[in-house]
C-alpha atoms as a PDB file:
ATOM      1  CA  MET A   1      17.794-129.056-146.220  1.00  0.00           C
ATOM      2  CA  SER A   2      14.429-128.948-144.436  1.00  0.00           C
ATOM      3  CA  GLN A   3      15.263-125.736-142.560  1.00  0.00           C
ATOM      4  CA  LEU A   4      16.445-124.142-145.804  1.00  0.00           C
ATOM      5  CA  THR A   5      13.144-125.054-147.444  1.00  0.00           C
ATOM      6  CA  LYS A   6      11.192-123.656-144.483  1.00  0.00           C
ATOM      7  CA  ASN A   7      13.109-120.393-144.694  1.00  0.00           C
ATOM      8  CA  ARG A   8      12.458-120.112-148.441  1.00  0.00           C
ATOM      9  CA  LEU A   9       8.737-120.720-147.874  1.00  0.00           C
ATOM     10  CA  ILE A  10       8.528-118.150-145.069  1.00  0.00           C
ATOM     11  CA  ASP A  11      10.418-115.562-147.129  1.00  0.00           C
ATOM     12  CA  ALA A  12       8.124-116.219-150.100  1.00  0.00           C
ATOM     13  CA  LEU A  13       5.047-115.816-147.882  1.00  0.00           C
ATOM     14  CA  GLU A  14       6.346-112.509-146.543  1.00  0.00           C
ATOM     15  CA  ARG A  15       7.005-111.205-150.090  1.00  0.00           C
ATOM     16  CA  LEU A  16       3.503-112.202-151.146  1.00  0.00           C
ATOM     17  CA  LEU A  17       1.932-110.534-148.111  1.00  0.00           C
ATOM     18  CA  ALA A  18       3.878-107.372-148.897  1.00  0.00           C
ATOM     19  CA  GLY A  19       2.666-107.550-152.507  1.00  0.00           C
ATOM     20  CA  GLN A  20       6.256-107.762-153.774  1.00  0.00           C
ATOM     21  CA  PRO A  21       6.625-111.195-155.436  1.00  0.00           C
ATOM     22  CA  GLU A  22       9.729-112.005-157.464  1.00  0.00           C
ATOM     23  CA  ASN A  23       8.084-114.636-159.678  1.00  0.00           C
ATOM     24  CA  ARG A  24       7.072-113.101-163.036  1.00  0.00           C
ATOM     25  CA  GLU A  25       3.615-114.636-163.153  1.00  0.00           C
ATOM     26  CA  LEU A  26       2.876-113.623-159.579  1.00  0.00           C
ATOM     27  CA  MET A  27       4.200-110.107-160.260  1.00  0.00           C
ATOM     28  CA  ARG A  28       1.737-109.780-163.136  1.00  0.00           C
ATOM     29  CA  LYS A  29      -1.120-110.992-160.937  1.00  0.00           C
ATOM     30  CA  ALA A  30      -0.093-108.515-158.212  1.00  0.00           C
ATOM     31  CA  ARG A  31      -0.166-105.633-160.731  1.00  0.00           C
ATOM     32  CA  GLU A  32      -3.644-106.733-161.887  1.00  0.00           C
ATOM     33  CA  GLY A  33      -4.845-107.063-158.286  1.00  0.00           C
ATOM     34  CA  LYS A  34      -5.494-110.790-158.717  1.00  0.00           C
ATOM     35  CA  LEU A  35      -2.741-112.136-156.499  1.00  0.00           C
ATOM     36  CA  LYS A  36      -4.016-114.800-154.121  1.00  0.00           C
ATOM     37  CA  ILE A  37      -2.057-116.113-151.214  1.00  0.00           C
ATOM     38  CA  ASN A  38      -2.379-119.878-151.136  1.00  0.00           C
ATOM     39  CA  PRO A  39      -0.029-122.851-150.842  1.00  0.00           C
ATOM     40  CA  SER A  40       0.461-123.018-154.601  1.00  0.00           C
ATOM     41  CA  SER A  41       1.485-119.397-154.956  1.00  0.00           C
ATOM     42  CA  VAL A  42       3.832-119.644-151.954  1.00  0.00           C
ATOM     43  CA  GLU A  43       5.551-122.694-153.489  1.00  0.00           C
ATOM     44  CA  LYS A  44       5.791-120.921-156.833  1.00  0.00           C
ATOM     45  CA  GLU A  45       7.239-117.781-155.228  1.00  0.00           C
ATOM     46  CA  ALA A  46       9.728-119.864-153.240  1.00  0.00           C
ATOM     47  CA  GLY A  47      10.844-121.578-156.447  1.00  0.00           C
ATOM     48  CA  LEU A  48       9.928-124.994-155.083  1.00  0.00           C
ATOM     49  CA  SER A  49       8.080-127.852-156.677  1.00  0.00           C
ATOM     50  CA  VAL A  50       4.343-128.368-156.377  1.00  0.00           C
ATOM     51  CA  GLY A  51       3.523-130.149-153.132  1.00  0.00           C
ATOM     52  CA  SER A  52       6.717-129.218-151.325  1.00  0.00           C
ATOM     53  CA  LEU A  53       4.624-127.455-148.694  1.00  0.00           C
ATOM     54  CA  ARG A  54       2.875-130.686-147.697  1.00  0.00           C
ATOM     55  CA  ARG A  55       5.861-131.750-145.577  1.00  0.00           C
ATOM     56  CA  HIS A  56       5.805-128.515-143.600  1.00  0.00           C
ATOM     57  CA  LEU A  57       2.440-128.487-141.874  1.00  0.00           C
ATOM     58  CA  ASP A  58       3.392-125.591-139.612  1.00  0.00           C
ATOM     59  CA  ILE A  59       4.193-123.396-142.617  1.00  0.00           C
ATOM     60  CA  ARG A  60       1.029-124.570-144.383  1.00  0.00           C
ATOM     61  CA  LYS A  61      -1.085-123.495-141.381  1.00  0.00           C
ATOM     62  CA  MET A  62       0.717-120.174-141.396  1.00  0.00           C
ATOM     63  CA  VAL A  63      -0.099-119.723-145.103  1.00  0.00           C
ATOM     64  CA  GLU A  64      -3.779-120.549-144.499  1.00  0.00           C
ATOM     65  CA  ASN A  65      -4.015-118.102-141.581  1.00  0.00           C
ATOM     66  CA  LYS A  66      -2.234-115.297-143.410  1.00  0.00           C
ATOM     67  CA  SER A  67      -4.360-115.955-146.483  1.00  0.00           C
ATOM     68  CA  LEU A  68      -7.523-115.594-144.428  1.00  0.00           C
ATOM     69  CA  VAL A  69      -6.268-112.377-142.855  1.00  0.00           C
ATOM     70  CA  SER A  70      -5.377-111.081-146.320  1.00  0.00           C
ATOM     71  CA  ARG A  71      -8.837-111.949-147.647  1.00  0.00           C
ATOM     72  CA  VAL A  72     -10.463-110.097-144.726  1.00  0.00           C
ATOM     73  CA  ALA A  73      -8.362-107.032-145.518  1.00  0.00           C
ATOM     74  CA  ASN A  74      -9.373-107.138-149.213  1.00  0.00           C
ATOM     75  CA  ASP A  75     -13.085-107.822-148.616  1.00  0.00           C
ATOM     76  CA  GLU A  76     -15.097-104.636-148.089  1.00  0.00           C
ATOM     77  CA  SER A  77     -18.230-106.393-146.801  1.00  0.00           C
ATOM     78  CA  SER A  78     -16.559-108.592-144.176  1.00  0.00           C
ATOM     79  CA  GLN A  79     -14.746-107.457-141.086  1.00  0.00           C
ATOM     80  CA  THR A  80     -13.740-110.750-139.493  1.00  0.00           C
ATOM     81  CA  PRO A  81     -12.358-114.044-140.765  1.00  0.00           C
ATOM     82  CA  ILE A  82     -15.574-115.755-139.664  1.00  0.00           C
ATOM     83  CA  GLU A  83     -17.642-113.470-141.897  1.00  0.00           C
ATOM     84  CA  VAL A  84     -15.375-114.207-144.851  1.00  0.00           C
ATOM     85  CA  LEU A  85     -15.680-117.943-144.275  1.00  0.00           C
ATOM     86  CA  GLN A  86     -19.459-117.694-143.779  1.00  0.00           C
ATOM     87  CA  ALA A  87     -19.772-115.847-147.092  1.00  0.00           C
ATOM     88  CA  GLU A  88     -17.672-118.528-148.745  1.00  0.00           C
ATOM     89  CA  VAL A  89     -19.848-121.291-147.256  1.00  0.00           C
ATOM     90  CA  LYS A  90     -22.981-119.469-148.413  1.00  0.00           C
ATOM     91  CA  ALA A  91     -21.577-119.205-151.964  1.00  0.00           C
ATOM     92  CA  LEU A  92     -20.656-122.889-151.961  1.00  0.00           C
ATOM     93  CA  LYS A  93     -24.138-123.865-150.761  1.00  0.00           C
ATOM     94  CA  ASN A  94     -25.655-121.725-153.491  1.00  0.00           C
ATOM     95  CA  ASN A  95     -23.439-123.418-156.088  1.00  0.00           C
ATOM     96  CA  LYS A  96     -24.461-126.827-154.767  1.00  0.00           C
ATOM     97  CA  THR A  97     -28.148-125.888-154.936  1.00  0.00           C
ATOM     98  CA  GLN A  98     -27.745-124.706-158.531  1.00  0.00           C
ATOM     99  CA  ALA A  99     -25.876-127.898-159.440  1.00  0.00           C
ATOM    100  CA  ASN A 100     -28.618-130.038-157.887  1.00  0.00           C
ATOM    101  CA  LYS A 101     -31.281-128.123-159.844  1.00  0.00           C
ATOM    102  CA  LYS A 102     -29.377-128.715-163.082  1.00  0.00           C
ATOM    103  CA  LYS A 103     -28.903-132.374-162.194  1.00  0.00           C
ATOM    104  CA  LYS A 104     -32.635-132.776-161.617  1.00  0.00           C
ATOM    105  CA  GLU A 105     -33.440-130.927-164.854  1.00  0.00           C
ATOM    106  CA  TYR A 106     -31.093-133.095-166.895  1.00  0.00           C
ATOM    107  CA  LEU A 107     -32.350-136.284-165.251  1.00  0.00           C
ATOM    108  CA  GLU A 108     -35.947-135.396-166.158  1.00  0.00           C
ATOM    109  CA  LEU A 109     -34.833-134.574-169.692  1.00  0.00           C
ATOM    110  CA  ALA A 110     -32.996-137.900-170.001  1.00  0.00           C
ATOM    111  CA  ARG A 111     -36.054-139.780-168.746  1.00  0.00           C
ATOM    112  CA  SER A 112     -38.322-138.021-171.246  1.00  0.00           C
ATOM    113  CA  HIS A 113     -35.887-138.887-174.031  1.00  0.00           C
ATOM    114  CA  GLU A 114     -35.833-142.463-172.807  1.00  0.00           C
ATOM    115  CA  LYS A 115     -39.646-142.625-173.026  1.00  0.00           C
ATOM    116  CA  ALA A 116     -39.615-141.053-176.496  1.00  0.00           C
ATOM    117  CA  LEU A 117     -37.006-143.578-177.621  1.00  0.00           C
ATOM    118  CA  ALA A 118     -39.122-146.466-176.287  1.00  0.00           C
ATOM    119  CA  ILE A 119     -42.159-145.174-178.199  1.00  0.00           C
ATOM    120  CA  GLN A 120     -40.081-144.787-181.345  1.00  0.00           C
ATOM    121  CA  ALA A 121     -38.639-148.296-180.991  1.00  0.00           C
ATOM    122  CA  ALA A 122     -42.125-149.763-180.533  1.00  0.00           C
ATOM    123  CA  SER A 123     -43.318-147.905-183.623  1.00  0.00           C
ATOM    124  CA  HIS A 124     -40.308-149.169-185.561  1.00  0.00           C
ATOM    125  CA  ILE A 125     -40.977-152.772-184.527  1.00  0.00           C
ATOM    126  CA  LYS A 126     -44.622-152.438-185.564  1.00  0.00           C
ATOM    127  CA  MET A 127     -43.585-151.069-188.978  1.00  0.00           C
ATOM    128  CA  VAL A 128     -41.114-153.891-189.524  1.00  0.00           C
ATOM    129  CA  GLN A 129     -43.833-156.429-188.626  1.00  0.00           C
ATOM    130  CA  GLU A 130     -46.262-154.859-191.094  1.00  0.00           C
ATOM    131  CA  ILE A 131     -43.634-154.738-193.840  1.00  0.00           C
ATOM    132  CA  MET A 132     -42.753-158.375-193.217  1.00  0.00           C
ATOM    133  CA  GLY A 133     -46.444-159.200-193.511  1.00  0.00           C
ATOM    134  CA  MET A 134     -46.499-157.579-196.942  1.00  0.00           C
ATOM    135  CA  LEU A 135     -43.627-159.706-198.229  1.00  0.00           C
ATOM    136  CA  HIS A 136     -44.080-163.088-199.790  1.00  0.00           C
ATOM    137  CA  GLU A 137     -43.190-165.978-197.465  1.00  0.00           C
ATOM    138  CA  SER A 138     -40.132-166.867-199.524  1.00  0.00           C
ATOM    139  CA  GLN A 139     -38.709-163.326-199.151  1.00  0.00           C
ATOM    140  CA  ARG A 140     -39.382-162.915-195.420  1.00  0.00           C
ATOM    141  CA  GLU A 141     -36.457-165.027-194.233  1.00  0.00           C
ATOM    142  CA  VAL A 142     -33.965-163.139-196.405  1.00  0.00           C
ATOM    143  CA  ALA A 143     -35.391-159.790-195.252  1.00  0.00           C
ATOM    144  CA  MET A 144     -35.296-160.848-191.582  1.00  0.00           C
ATOM    145  CA  ASP A 145     -31.651-161.878-191.946  1.00  0.00           C
ATOM    146  CA  LYS A 146     -30.887-158.393-193.234  1.00  0.00           C
ATOM    147  CA  VAL A 147     -32.756-156.768-190.345  1.00  0.00           C
ATOM    148  CA  VAL A 148     -31.129-158.964-187.676  1.00  0.00           C
ATOM    149  CA  ASN A 149     -27.613-158.500-189.069  1.00  0.00           C
ATOM    150  CA  ALA A 150     -27.940-154.709-189.451  1.00  0.00           C
ATOM    151  CA  ARG A 151     -25.923-152.505-187.100  1.00  0.00           C
ATOM    152  CA  ALA A 152     -27.257-149.322-185.514  1.00  0.00           C
ATOM    153  CA  ASP A 153     -25.113-147.203-187.834  1.00  0.00           C
ATOM    154  CA  ASN A 154     -26.080-149.278-190.876  1.00  0.00           C
ATOM    155  CA  ILE A 155     -29.276-148.685-192.803  1.00  0.00           C
ATOM    156  CA  VAL A 156     -31.008-151.635-194.437  1.00  0.00           C
ATOM    157  CA  LYS A 157     -32.207-150.560-197.845  1.00  0.00           C
ATOM    158  CA  GLY A 158     -35.321-152.227-199.087  1.00  0.00           C
ATOM    159  CA  ASP A 159     -36.454-152.536-202.657  1.00  0.00           C
ATOM    160  CA  PHE A 160     -40.156-151.763-202.490  1.00  0.00           C
ATOM    161  CA  THR A 161     -40.621-151.167-206.227  1.00  0.00           C
ATOM    162  CA  LYS A 162     -41.180-154.853-207.031  1.00  0.00           C
ATOM    163  CA  LYS A 163     -44.725-156.053-207.143  1.00  0.00           C
ATOM    164  CA  ILE A 164     -45.606-159.289-205.467  1.00  0.00           C
END
């Protein structure tokens, strides 16, 4: 069974390299010029399950090598596999740099929001203290119970129309 699987994978790789896949989805990608040769597409072309290539390391290496050669042939700016890989590394480093910049930006934004929230909470506490000072002593305990038992999504409604 293992040799049969190897043969199916090799045949699928050869069809992909020739640009003649039999799988419908891969045929469409080939027509659009978006066909990529990678382990997933080889498994799909061979009609095998995802991950079936992991048991055949020799075939997997062959797929990686042929994929690199194919990418060199399709890349106008690169002439060797090393140049293709160097361009890929450069793009990945650029993506990482951009991600780190965004991370730093969002961290600074979160910290500024945290400071603003602390200022708002302090202001809120001060207001509650002043309001409690305005209430008669007999009403303060009832009002404090309402404040303490309130949830974040619950608004305590006060009746400020009564005169003391």
